[in-house]
Structures are given as structure tokens and as C-alpha cells.
Amino acid sequence: MFQRETDAAGDIVINEADIENLKRSKGAIYSATSILVKHLGLDFSSVYKIFIARFGTYLDIEKAIKIGLLPDLERNKFVFIGNSFSGGG
């Protein structure tokens, strides 16, 4: 994207390494959620809510589903919760 189309101080440049990182991250997130759901003996259609925290609050749900980052579920099942850190420990 070009600076005139964003609030950024300069042009936004995406290179091949960025795309590779996105692909790995996408695969890891989707795989982890898929394994968790299957381990519980469920499938995505039986999930009531998916809570999206922290940096995920910047996600565009439609685009995240389109690239395979998130499962294609009813959009009202996705809930943004901001910072989910409880500070325990």
C-alpha cells in the first residue's frame, strides 16, 4: 500500500519473507485450533465462541477466513477480547 492510502509514515512494503512468515503463522494457528477441537472430540461447527485476544483484535475476520487463518464459521462466533493476560503466576 502506498503512504497516501494509509496512516503510515511511508509506503508499506511486503516482501517474500513476510509472505512466508504469514503462511507459517497461518498454518500453525489453524493447525493448533484444529488439533485442540479434535482432541476434545468436537468439530468447528460445534464451537460456541472463538475468543480473539491482543493483536488478533486487528484482524479482519472475513479476510482471515479467506486466507485460511480462521475456520469459516458464523461471524457472531468470533469475539474480540483485547488483552487476555490475567497477570497470575
PDB file of N, CA and C in Angstrom:
ATOM      1  N   MET A   1       0.850  -1.175   0.000  1.00  0.00           N
ATOM      2  CA  MET A   1       0.000   0.000   0.000  1.00  0.00           C
ATOM      3  C   MET A   1       0.889   1.229   0.000  1.00  0.00           C
ATOM      4  N   PHE A   2       0.347   2.266  -0.528  1.00  0.00           N
ATOM      5  CA  PHE A   2       1.112   3.490  -0.603  1.00  0.00           C
ATOM      6  C   PHE A   2       0.748   4.408   0.552  1.00  0.00           C
ATOM      7  N   GLN A   3       1.685   5.241   0.932  1.00  0.00           N
ATOM      8  CA  GLN A   3       1.513   6.148   2.060  1.00  0.00           C
ATOM      9  C   GLN A   3       0.221   6.951   1.944  1.00  0.00           C
ATOM     10  N   ARG A   4      -0.102   7.392   0.751  1.00  0.00           N
ATOM     11  CA  ARG A   4      -1.302   8.222   0.583  1.00  0.00           C
ATOM     12  C   ARG A   4      -2.588   7.442   0.863  1.00  0.00           C
ATOM     13  N   GLU A   5      -2.511   6.088   0.899  1.00  0.00           N
ATOM     14  CA  GLU A   5      -3.683   5.255   1.152  1.00  0.00           C
ATOM     15  C   GLU A   5      -3.759   4.777   2.595  1.00  0.00           C
ATOM     16  N   THR A   6      -2.793   5.140   3.421  1.00  0.00           N
ATOM     17  CA  THR A   6      -2.744   4.670   4.812  1.00  0.00           C
ATOM     18  C   THR A   6      -2.400   5.823   5.746  1.00  0.00           C
ATOM     19  N   ASP A   7      -2.392   5.526   7.019  1.00  0.00           N
ATOM     20  CA  ASP A   7      -1.948   6.500   8.012  1.00  0.00           C
ATOM     21  C   ASP A   7      -0.468   6.320   8.323  1.00  0.00           C
ATOM     22  N   ALA A   8       0.196   5.409   7.623  1.00  0.00           N
ATOM     23  CA  ALA A   8       1.607   5.119   7.877  1.00  0.00           C
ATOM     24  C   ALA A   8       2.480   6.286   7.418  1.00  0.00           C
ATOM     25  N   ALA A   9       3.665   6.370   8.009  1.00  0.00           N
ATOM     26  CA  ALA A   9       4.598   7.442   7.659  1.00  0.00           C
ATOM     27  C   ALA A   9       5.232   7.218   6.288  1.00  0.00           C
ATOM     28  N   GLY A  10       5.174   5.987   5.790  1.00  0.00           N
ATOM     29  CA  GLY A  10       5.767   5.681   4.492  1.00  0.00           C
ATOM     30  C   GLY A  10       5.008   4.549   3.825  1.00  0.00           C
ATOM     31  N   ASP A  11       5.491   4.143   2.659  1.00  0.00           N
ATOM     32  CA  ASP A  11       4.865   3.033   1.952  1.00  0.00           C
ATOM     33  C   ASP A  11       4.972   1.753   2.777  1.00  0.00           C
ATOM     34  N   ILE A  12       3.973   0.895   2.677  1.00  0.00           N
ATOM     35  CA  ILE A  12       4.000  -0.413   3.327  1.00  0.00           C
ATOM     36  C   ILE A  12       4.482  -1.413   2.288  1.00  0.00           C
ATOM     37  N   VAL A  13       5.592  -2.063   2.594  1.00  0.00           N
ATOM     38  CA  VAL A  13       6.204  -2.996   1.654  1.00  0.00           C
ATOM     39  C   VAL A  13       6.128  -4.405   2.231  1.00  0.00           C
ATOM     40  N   ILE A  14       5.658  -5.341   1.427  1.00  0.00           N
ATOM     41  CA  ILE A  14       5.590  -6.746   1.821  1.00  0.00           C
ATOM     42  C   ILE A  14       6.516  -7.514   0.899  1.00  0.00           C
ATOM     43  N   ASN A  15       7.459  -8.236   1.512  1.00  0.00           N
ATOM     44  CA  ASN A  15       8.406  -8.996   0.698  1.00  0.00           C
ATOM     45  C   ASN A  15       8.139 -10.501   0.829  1.00  0.00           C
ATOM     46  N   GLU A  16       8.924 -11.288   0.145  1.00  0.00           N
ATOM     47  CA  GLU A  16       8.741 -12.740   0.125  1.00  0.00           C
ATOM     48  C   GLU A  16       8.866 -13.346   1.518  1.00  0.00           C
ATOM     49  N   ALA A  17       9.784 -12.853   2.333  1.00  0.00           N
ATOM     50  CA  ALA A  17       9.945 -13.360   3.699  1.00  0.00           C
ATOM     51  C   ALA A  17       8.689 -13.098   4.524  1.00  0.00           C
ATOM     52  N   ASP A  18       8.064 -11.936   4.332  1.00  0.00           N
ATOM     53  CA  ASP A  18       6.822 -11.615   5.044  1.00  0.00           C
ATOM     54  C   ASP A  18       5.719 -12.608   4.674  1.00  0.00           C
ATOM     55  N   ILE A  19       5.630 -12.929   3.410  1.00  0.00           N
ATOM     56  CA  ILE A  19       4.610 -13.865   2.941  1.00  0.00           C
ATOM     57  C   ILE A  19       4.866 -15.261   3.506  1.00  0.00           C
ATOM     58  N   GLU A  20       6.110 -15.682   3.529  1.00  0.00           N
ATOM     59  CA  GLU A  20       6.461 -16.983   4.106  1.00  0.00           C
ATOM     60  C   GLU A  20       6.125 -17.025   5.594  1.00  0.00           C
ATOM     61  N   ASN A  21       6.420 -15.954   6.310  1.00  0.00           N
ATOM     62  CA  ASN A  21       6.081 -15.888   7.735  1.00  0.00           C
ATOM     63  C   ASN A  21       4.572 -15.953   7.951  1.00  0.00           C
ATOM     64  N   LEU A  22       3.826 -15.261   7.124  1.00  0.00           N
ATOM     65  CA  LEU A  22       2.372 -15.304   7.216  1.00  0.00           C
ATOM     66  C   LEU A  22       1.865 -16.723   6.980  1.00  0.00           C
ATOM     67  N   LYS A  23       2.401 -17.387   5.971  1.00  0.00           N
ATOM     68  CA  LYS A  23       1.965 -18.757   5.668  1.00  0.00           C
ATOM     69  C   LYS A  23       2.254 -19.701   6.831  1.00  0.00           C
ATOM     70  N   ARG A  24       3.436 -19.590   7.424  1.00  0.00           N
ATOM     71  CA  ARG A  24       3.779 -20.451   8.567  1.00  0.00           C
ATOM     72  C   ARG A  24       2.899 -20.145   9.772  1.00  0.00           C
ATOM     73  N   SER A  25       2.688 -18.883  10.045  1.00  0.00           N
ATOM     74  CA  SER A  25       1.847 -18.491  11.177  1.00  0.00           C
ATOM     75  C   SER A  25       0.414 -18.953  10.987  1.00  0.00           C
ATOM     76  N   LYS A  26      -0.093 -18.754   9.803  1.00  0.00           N
ATOM     77  CA  LYS A  26      -1.457 -19.173   9.473  1.00  0.00           C
ATOM     78  C   LYS A  26      -1.612 -20.669   9.674  1.00  0.00           C
ATOM     79  N   GLY A  27      -0.662 -21.427   9.155  1.00  0.00           N
ATOM     80  CA  GLY A  27      -0.710 -22.877   9.294  1.00  0.00           C
ATOM     81  C   GLY A  27      -0.634 -23.319  10.741  1.00  0.00           C
ATOM     82  N   ALA A  28       0.215 -22.666  11.518  1.00  0.00           N
ATOM     83  CA  ALA A  28       0.373 -23.024  12.930  1.00  0.00           C
ATOM     84  C   ALA A  28      -0.900 -22.727  13.723  1.00  0.00           C
ATOM     85  N   ILE A  29      -1.486 -21.572  13.498  1.00  0.00           N
ATOM     86  CA  ILE A  29      -2.694 -21.190  14.231  1.00  0.00           C
ATOM     87  C   ILE A  29      -3.848 -22.110  13.871  1.00  0.00           C
ATOM     88  N   TYR A  30      -4.049 -22.338  12.589  1.00  0.00           N
ATOM     89  CA  TYR A  30      -5.167 -23.185  12.170  1.00  0.00           C
ATOM     90  C   TYR A  30      -4.947 -24.619  12.637  1.00  0.00           C
ATOM     91  N   SER A  31      -3.725 -25.128  12.520  1.00  0.00           N
ATOM     92  CA  SER A  31      -3.429 -26.496  12.957  1.00  0.00           C
ATOM     93  C   SER A  31      -3.646 -26.651  14.453  1.00  0.00           C
ATOM     94  N   ALA A  32      -3.172 -25.704  15.230  1.00  0.00           N
ATOM     95  CA  ALA A  32      -3.321 -25.785  16.684  1.00  0.00           C
ATOM     96  C   ALA A  32      -4.796 -25.802  17.082  1.00  0.00           C
ATOM     97  N   THR A  33      -5.590 -24.930  16.497  1.00  0.00           N
ATOM     98  CA  THR A  33      -7.013 -24.904  16.842  1.00  0.00           C
ATOM     99  C   THR A  33      -7.715 -26.165  16.370  1.00  0.00           C
ATOM    100  N   SER A  34      -7.347 -26.648  15.199  1.00  0.00           N
ATOM    101  CA  SER A  34      -7.946 -27.870  14.668  1.00  0.00           C
ATOM    102  C   SER A  34      -7.627 -29.077  15.548  1.00  0.00           C
ATOM    103  N   ILE A  35      -6.374 -29.192  15.976  1.00  0.00           N
ATOM    104  CA  ILE A  35      -5.962 -30.300  16.851  1.00  0.00           C
ATOM    105  C   ILE A  35      -6.690 -30.213  18.190  1.00  0.00           C
ATOM    106  N   LEU A  36      -6.785 -29.024  18.752  1.00  0.00           N
ATOM    107  CA  LEU A  36      -7.473 -28.844  20.029  1.00  0.00           C
ATOM    108  C   LEU A  36      -8.938 -29.273  19.923  1.00  0.00           C
ATOM    109  N   VAL A  37      -9.609 -28.816  18.902  1.00  0.00           N
ATOM    110  CA  VAL A  37     -11.024 -29.150  18.723  1.00  0.00           C
ATOM    111  C   VAL A  37     -11.193 -30.663  18.549  1.00  0.00           C
ATOM    112  N   LYS A  38     -10.353 -31.279  17.712  1.00  0.00           N
ATOM    113  CA  LYS A  38     -10.441 -32.730  17.505  1.00  0.00           C
ATOM    114  C   LYS A  38     -10.118 -33.502  18.773  1.00  0.00           C
ATOM    115  N   HIS A  39      -9.140 -33.035  19.551  1.00  0.00           N
ATOM    116  CA  HIS A  39      -8.768 -33.686  20.813  1.00  0.00           C
ATOM    117  C   HIS A  39      -9.953 -33.702  21.787  1.00  0.00           C
ATOM    118  N   LEU A  40     -10.784 -32.687  21.721  1.00  0.00           N
ATOM    119  CA  LEU A  40     -11.962 -32.610  22.579  1.00  0.00           C
ATOM    120  C   LEU A  40     -13.140 -33.391  22.019  1.00  0.00           C
ATOM    121  N   GLY A  41     -12.922 -34.034  20.853  1.00  0.00           N
ATOM    122  CA  GLY A  41     -13.991 -34.822  20.232  1.00  0.00           C
ATOM    123  C   GLY A  41     -15.052 -33.983  19.561  1.00  0.00           C
ATOM    124  N   LEU A  42     -14.671 -32.781  19.146  1.00  0.00           N
ATOM    125  CA  LEU A  42     -15.606 -31.848  18.522  1.00  0.00           C
ATOM    126  C   LEU A  42     -15.181 -31.559  17.089  1.00  0.00           C
ATOM    127  N   ASP A  43     -15.989 -30.757  16.422  1.00  0.00           N
ATOM    128  CA  ASP A  43     -15.565 -30.164  15.159  1.00  0.00           C
ATOM    129  C   ASP A  43     -15.890 -28.674  15.246  1.00  0.00           C
ATOM    130  N   PHE A  44     -15.398 -27.910  14.300  1.00  0.00           N
ATOM    131  CA  PHE A  44     -15.558 -26.457  14.393  1.00  0.00           C
ATOM    132  C   PHE A  44     -17.020 -26.021  14.452  1.00  0.00           C
ATOM    133  N   SER A  45     -17.898 -26.761  13.804  1.00  0.00           N
ATOM    134  CA  SER A  45     -19.305 -26.345  13.799  1.00  0.00           C
ATOM    135  C   SER A  45     -19.926 -26.408  15.194  1.00  0.00           C
ATOM    136  N   SER A  46     -19.349 -27.190  16.103  1.00  0.00           N
ATOM    137  CA  SER A  46     -19.894 -27.297  17.460  1.00  0.00           C
ATOM    138  C   SER A  46     -19.262 -26.299  18.434  1.00  0.00           C
ATOM    139  N   VAL A  47     -18.324 -25.496  17.961  1.00  0.00           N
ATOM    140  CA  VAL A  47     -17.699 -24.483  18.805  1.00  0.00           C
ATOM    141  C   VAL A  47     -18.668 -23.322  18.972  1.00  0.00           C
ATOM    142  N   TYR A  48     -18.880 -22.927  20.235  1.00  0.00           N
ATOM    143  CA  TYR A  48     -19.845 -21.870  20.535  1.00  0.00           C
ATOM    144  C   TYR A  48     -19.266 -20.476  20.277  1.00  0.00           C
ATOM    145  N   LYS A  49     -18.052 -20.242  20.736  1.00  0.00           N
ATOM    146  CA  LYS A  49     -17.392 -18.946  20.558  1.00  0.00           C
ATOM    147  C   LYS A  49     -15.897 -19.158  20.357  1.00  0.00           C
ATOM    148  N   ILE A  50     -15.289 -18.287  19.584  1.00  0.00           N
ATOM    149  CA  ILE A  50     -13.840 -18.227  19.453  1.00  0.00           C
ATOM    150  C   ILE A  50     -13.423 -16.835  19.907  1.00  0.00           C
ATOM    151  N   PHE A  51     -12.656 -16.810  21.000  1.00  0.00           N
ATOM    152  CA  PHE A  51     -12.206 -15.539  21.553  1.00  0.00           C
ATOM    153  C   PHE A  51     -10.872 -15.165  20.922  1.00  0.00           C
ATOM    154  N   ILE A  52     -10.787 -13.953  20.432  1.00  0.00           N
ATOM    155  CA  ILE A  52      -9.589 -13.465  19.764  1.00  0.00           C
ATOM    156  C   ILE A  52      -9.011 -12.341  20.621  1.00  0.00           C
ATOM    157  N   ALA A  53      -7.765 -12.555  21.067  1.00  0.00           N
ATOM    158  CA  ALA A  53      -7.157 -11.626  22.012  1.00  0.00           C
ATOM    159  C   ALA A  53      -6.016 -10.829  21.393  1.00  0.00           C
ATOM    160  N   ARG A  54      -5.652  -9.808  22.097  1.00  0.00           N
ATOM    161  CA  ARG A  54      -4.471  -8.978  21.873  1.00  0.00           C
ATOM    162  C   ARG A  54      -4.335  -8.486  20.420  1.00  0.00           C
ATOM    163  N   PHE A  55      -3.264  -8.908  19.742  1.00  0.00           N
ATOM    164  CA  PHE A  55      -3.012  -8.426  18.379  1.00  0.00           C
ATOM    165  C   PHE A  55      -4.066  -8.928  17.395  1.00  0.00           C
ATOM    166  N   GLY A  56      -4.745  -9.986  17.765  1.00  0.00           N
ATOM    167  CA  GLY A  56      -5.815 -10.502  16.916  1.00  0.00           C
ATOM    168  C   GLY A  56      -6.959  -9.533  16.754  1.00  0.00           C
ATOM    169  N   THR A  57      -7.037  -8.558  17.659  1.00  0.00           N
ATOM    170  CA  THR A  57      -8.129  -7.589  17.554  1.00  0.00           C
ATOM    171  C   THR A  57      -8.005  -6.718  16.302  1.00  0.00           C
ATOM    172  N   TYR A  58      -6.866  -6.773  15.653  1.00  0.00           N
ATOM    173  CA  TYR A  58      -6.678  -6.024  14.409  1.00  0.00           C
ATOM    174  C   TYR A  58      -7.076  -6.838  13.181  1.00  0.00           C
ATOM    175  N   LEU A  59      -7.475  -8.084  13.399  1.00  0.00           N
ATOM    176  CA  LEU A  59      -7.839  -8.947  12.280  1.00  0.00           C
ATOM    177  C   LEU A  59      -9.133  -8.499  11.620  1.00  0.00           C
ATOM    178  N   ASP A  60      -9.182  -8.667  10.340  1.00  0.00           N
ATOM    179  CA  ASP A  60     -10.423  -8.554   9.590  1.00  0.00           C
ATOM    180  C   ASP A  60     -10.920  -9.996   9.458  1.00  0.00           C
ATOM    181  N   ILE A  61     -12.008 -10.329  10.128  1.00  0.00           N
ATOM    182  CA  ILE A  61     -12.496 -11.710  10.178  1.00  0.00           C
ATOM    183  C   ILE A  61     -12.698 -12.279   8.784  1.00  0.00           C
ATOM    184  N   GLU A  62     -13.310 -11.540   7.900  1.00  0.00           N
ATOM    185  CA  GLU A  62     -13.572 -12.033   6.544  1.00  0.00           C
ATOM    186  C   GLU A  62     -12.275 -12.399   5.834  1.00  0.00           C
ATOM    187  N   LYS A  63     -11.281 -11.532   5.942  1.00  0.00           N
ATOM    188  CA  LYS A  63     -10.003 -11.794   5.270  1.00  0.00           C
ATOM    189  C   LYS A  63      -9.261 -12.942   5.942  1.00  0.00           C
ATOM    190  N   ALA A  64      -9.340 -13.038   7.275  1.00  0.00           N
ATOM    191  CA  ALA A  64      -8.683 -14.132   7.990  1.00  0.00           C
ATOM    192  C   ALA A  64      -9.286 -15.478   7.608  1.00  0.00           C
ATOM    193  N   ILE A  65     -10.580 -15.516   7.398  1.00  0.00           N
ATOM    194  CA  ILE A  65     -11.239 -16.749   6.951  1.00  0.00           C
ATOM    195  C   ILE A  65     -10.847 -17.048   5.512  1.00  0.00           C
ATOM    196  N   LYS A  66     -10.816 -16.032   4.694  1.00  0.00           N
ATOM    197  CA  LYS A  66     -10.499 -16.212   3.280  1.00  0.00           C
ATOM    198  C   LYS A  66      -9.115 -16.815   3.063  1.00  0.00           C
ATOM    199  N   ILE A  67      -8.133 -16.429   3.887  1.00  0.00           N
ATOM    200  CA  ILE A  67      -6.780 -16.977   3.712  1.00  0.00           C
ATOM    201  C   ILE A  67      -6.561 -18.266   4.505  1.00  0.00           C
ATOM    202  N   GLY A  68      -7.591 -18.707   5.254  1.00  0.00           N
ATOM    203  CA  GLY A  68      -7.479 -19.959   5.981  1.00  0.00           C
ATOM    204  C   GLY A  68      -6.885 -19.832   7.367  1.00  0.00           C
ATOM    205  N   LEU A  69      -6.808 -18.633   7.890  1.00  0.00           N
ATOM    206  CA  LEU A  69      -6.294 -18.428   9.246  1.00  0.00           C
ATOM    207  C   LEU A  69      -7.318 -18.866  10.285  1.00  0.00           C
ATOM    208  N   LEU A  70      -8.589 -18.560  10.020  1.00  0.00           N
ATOM    209  CA  LEU A  70      -9.678 -18.921  10.915  1.00  0.00           C
ATOM    210  C   LEU A  70     -10.672 -19.819  10.177  1.00  0.00           C
ATOM    211  N   PRO A  71     -11.389 -20.665  10.926  1.00  0.00           N
ATOM    212  CA  PRO A  71     -12.389 -21.518  10.284  1.00  0.00           C
ATOM    213  C   PRO A  71     -13.577 -20.703   9.794  1.00  0.00           C
ATOM    214  N   ASP A  72     -14.228 -21.186   8.767  1.00  0.00           N
ATOM    215  CA  ASP A  72     -15.374 -20.490   8.184  1.00  0.00           C
ATOM    216  C   ASP A  72     -16.619 -20.823   9.015  1.00  0.00           C
ATOM    217  N   LEU A  73     -16.831 -20.010  10.047  1.00  0.00           N
ATOM    218  CA  LEU A  73     -17.963 -20.175  10.958  1.00  0.00           C
ATOM    219  C   LEU A  73     -18.845 -18.946  10.900  1.00  0.00           C
ATOM    220  N   GLU A  74     -20.008 -19.033  11.552  1.00  0.00           N
ATOM    221  CA  GLU A  74     -20.862 -17.863  11.667  1.00  0.00           C
ATOM    222  C   GLU A  74     -20.044 -16.738  12.298  1.00  0.00           C
ATOM    223  N   ARG A  75     -20.140 -15.568  11.739  1.00  0.00           N
ATOM    224  CA  ARG A  75     -19.279 -14.466  12.169  1.00  0.00           C
ATOM    225  C   ARG A  75     -19.535 -14.045  13.615  1.00  0.00           C
ATOM    226  N   ASN A  76     -20.735 -14.282  14.130  1.00  0.00           N
ATOM    227  CA  ASN A  76     -21.022 -13.895  15.511  1.00  0.00           C
ATOM    228  C   ASN A  76     -20.353 -14.823  16.526  1.00  0.00           C
ATOM    229  N   LYS A  77     -19.707 -15.888  16.075  1.00  0.00           N
ATOM    230  CA  LYS A  77     -18.971 -16.777  16.974  1.00  0.00           C
ATOM    231  C   LYS A  77     -17.591 -16.211  17.328  1.00  0.00           C
ATOM    232  N   PHE A  78     -17.138 -15.221  16.599  1.00  0.00           N
ATOM    233  CA  PHE A  78     -15.834 -14.610  16.856  1.00  0.00           C
ATOM    234  C   PHE A  78     -16.019 -13.400  17.770  1.00  0.00           C
ATOM    235  N   VAL A  79     -15.286 -13.402  18.893  1.00  0.00           N
ATOM    236  CA  VAL A  79     -15.415 -12.332  19.879  1.00  0.00           C
ATOM    237  C   VAL A  79     -14.028 -11.765  20.170  1.00  0.00           C
ATOM    238  N   PHE A  80     -13.870 -10.473  19.964  1.00  0.00           N
ATOM    239  CA  PHE A  80     -12.607  -9.793  20.276  1.00  0.00           C
ATOM    240  C   PHE A  80     -12.606  -9.426  21.760  1.00  0.00           C
ATOM    241  N   ILE A  81     -11.521  -9.798  22.476  1.00  0.00           N
ATOM    242  CA  ILE A  81     -11.492  -9.542  23.913  1.00  0.00           C
ATOM    243  C   ILE A  81     -10.331  -8.652  24.365  1.00  0.00           C
ATOM    244  N   GLY A  82      -9.535  -8.146  23.449  1.00  0.00           N
ATOM    245  CA  GLY A  82      -8.430  -7.274  23.841  1.00  0.00           C
ATOM    246  C   GLY A  82      -7.340  -8.051  24.561  1.00  0.00           C
ATOM    247  N   ASN A  83      -6.761  -7.471  25.604  1.00  0.00           N
ATOM    248  CA  ASN A  83      -5.684  -8.114  26.345  1.00  0.00           C
ATOM    249  C   ASN A  83      -6.280  -9.156  27.289  1.00  0.00           C
ATOM    250  N   SER A  84      -5.898 -10.420  27.121  1.00  0.00           N
ATOM    251  CA  SER A  84      -6.465 -11.507  27.931  1.00  0.00           C
ATOM    252  C   SER A  84      -5.531 -11.928  29.055  1.00  0.00           C
ATOM    253  N   PHE A  85      -4.416 -11.233  29.258  1.00  0.00           N
ATOM    254  CA  PHE A  85      -3.452 -11.591  30.283  1.00  0.00           C
ATOM    255  C   PHE A  85      -4.024 -11.311  31.671  1.00  0.00           C
ATOM    256  N   SER A  86      -3.973 -12.327  32.530  1.00  0.00           N
ATOM    257  CA  SER A  86      -4.549 -12.166  33.872  1.00  0.00           C
ATOM    258  C   SER A  86      -3.514 -11.712  34.893  1.00  0.00           C
ATOM    259  N   GLY A  87      -2.231 -11.819  34.556  1.00  0.00           N
ATOM    260  CA  GLY A  87      -1.180 -11.389  35.475  1.00  0.00           C
ATOM    261  C   GLY A  87      -0.868 -12.377  36.576  1.00  0.00           C
ATOM    262  N   GLY A  88      -1.426 -13.578  36.500  1.00  0.00           N
ATOM    263  CA  GLY A  88      -1.200 -14.583  37.536  1.00  0.00           C
ATOM    264  C   GLY A  88       0.213 -15.158  37.458  1.00  0.00           C
ATOM    265  N   GLY A  89       0.512 -16.044  38.374  1.00  0.00           N
ATOM    266  CA  GLY A  89       1.806 -16.710  38.272  1.00  0.00           C
ATOM    267  C   GLY A  89       2.542 -16.639  39.496  1.00  0.00           C
TER     268      GLY A  89
END
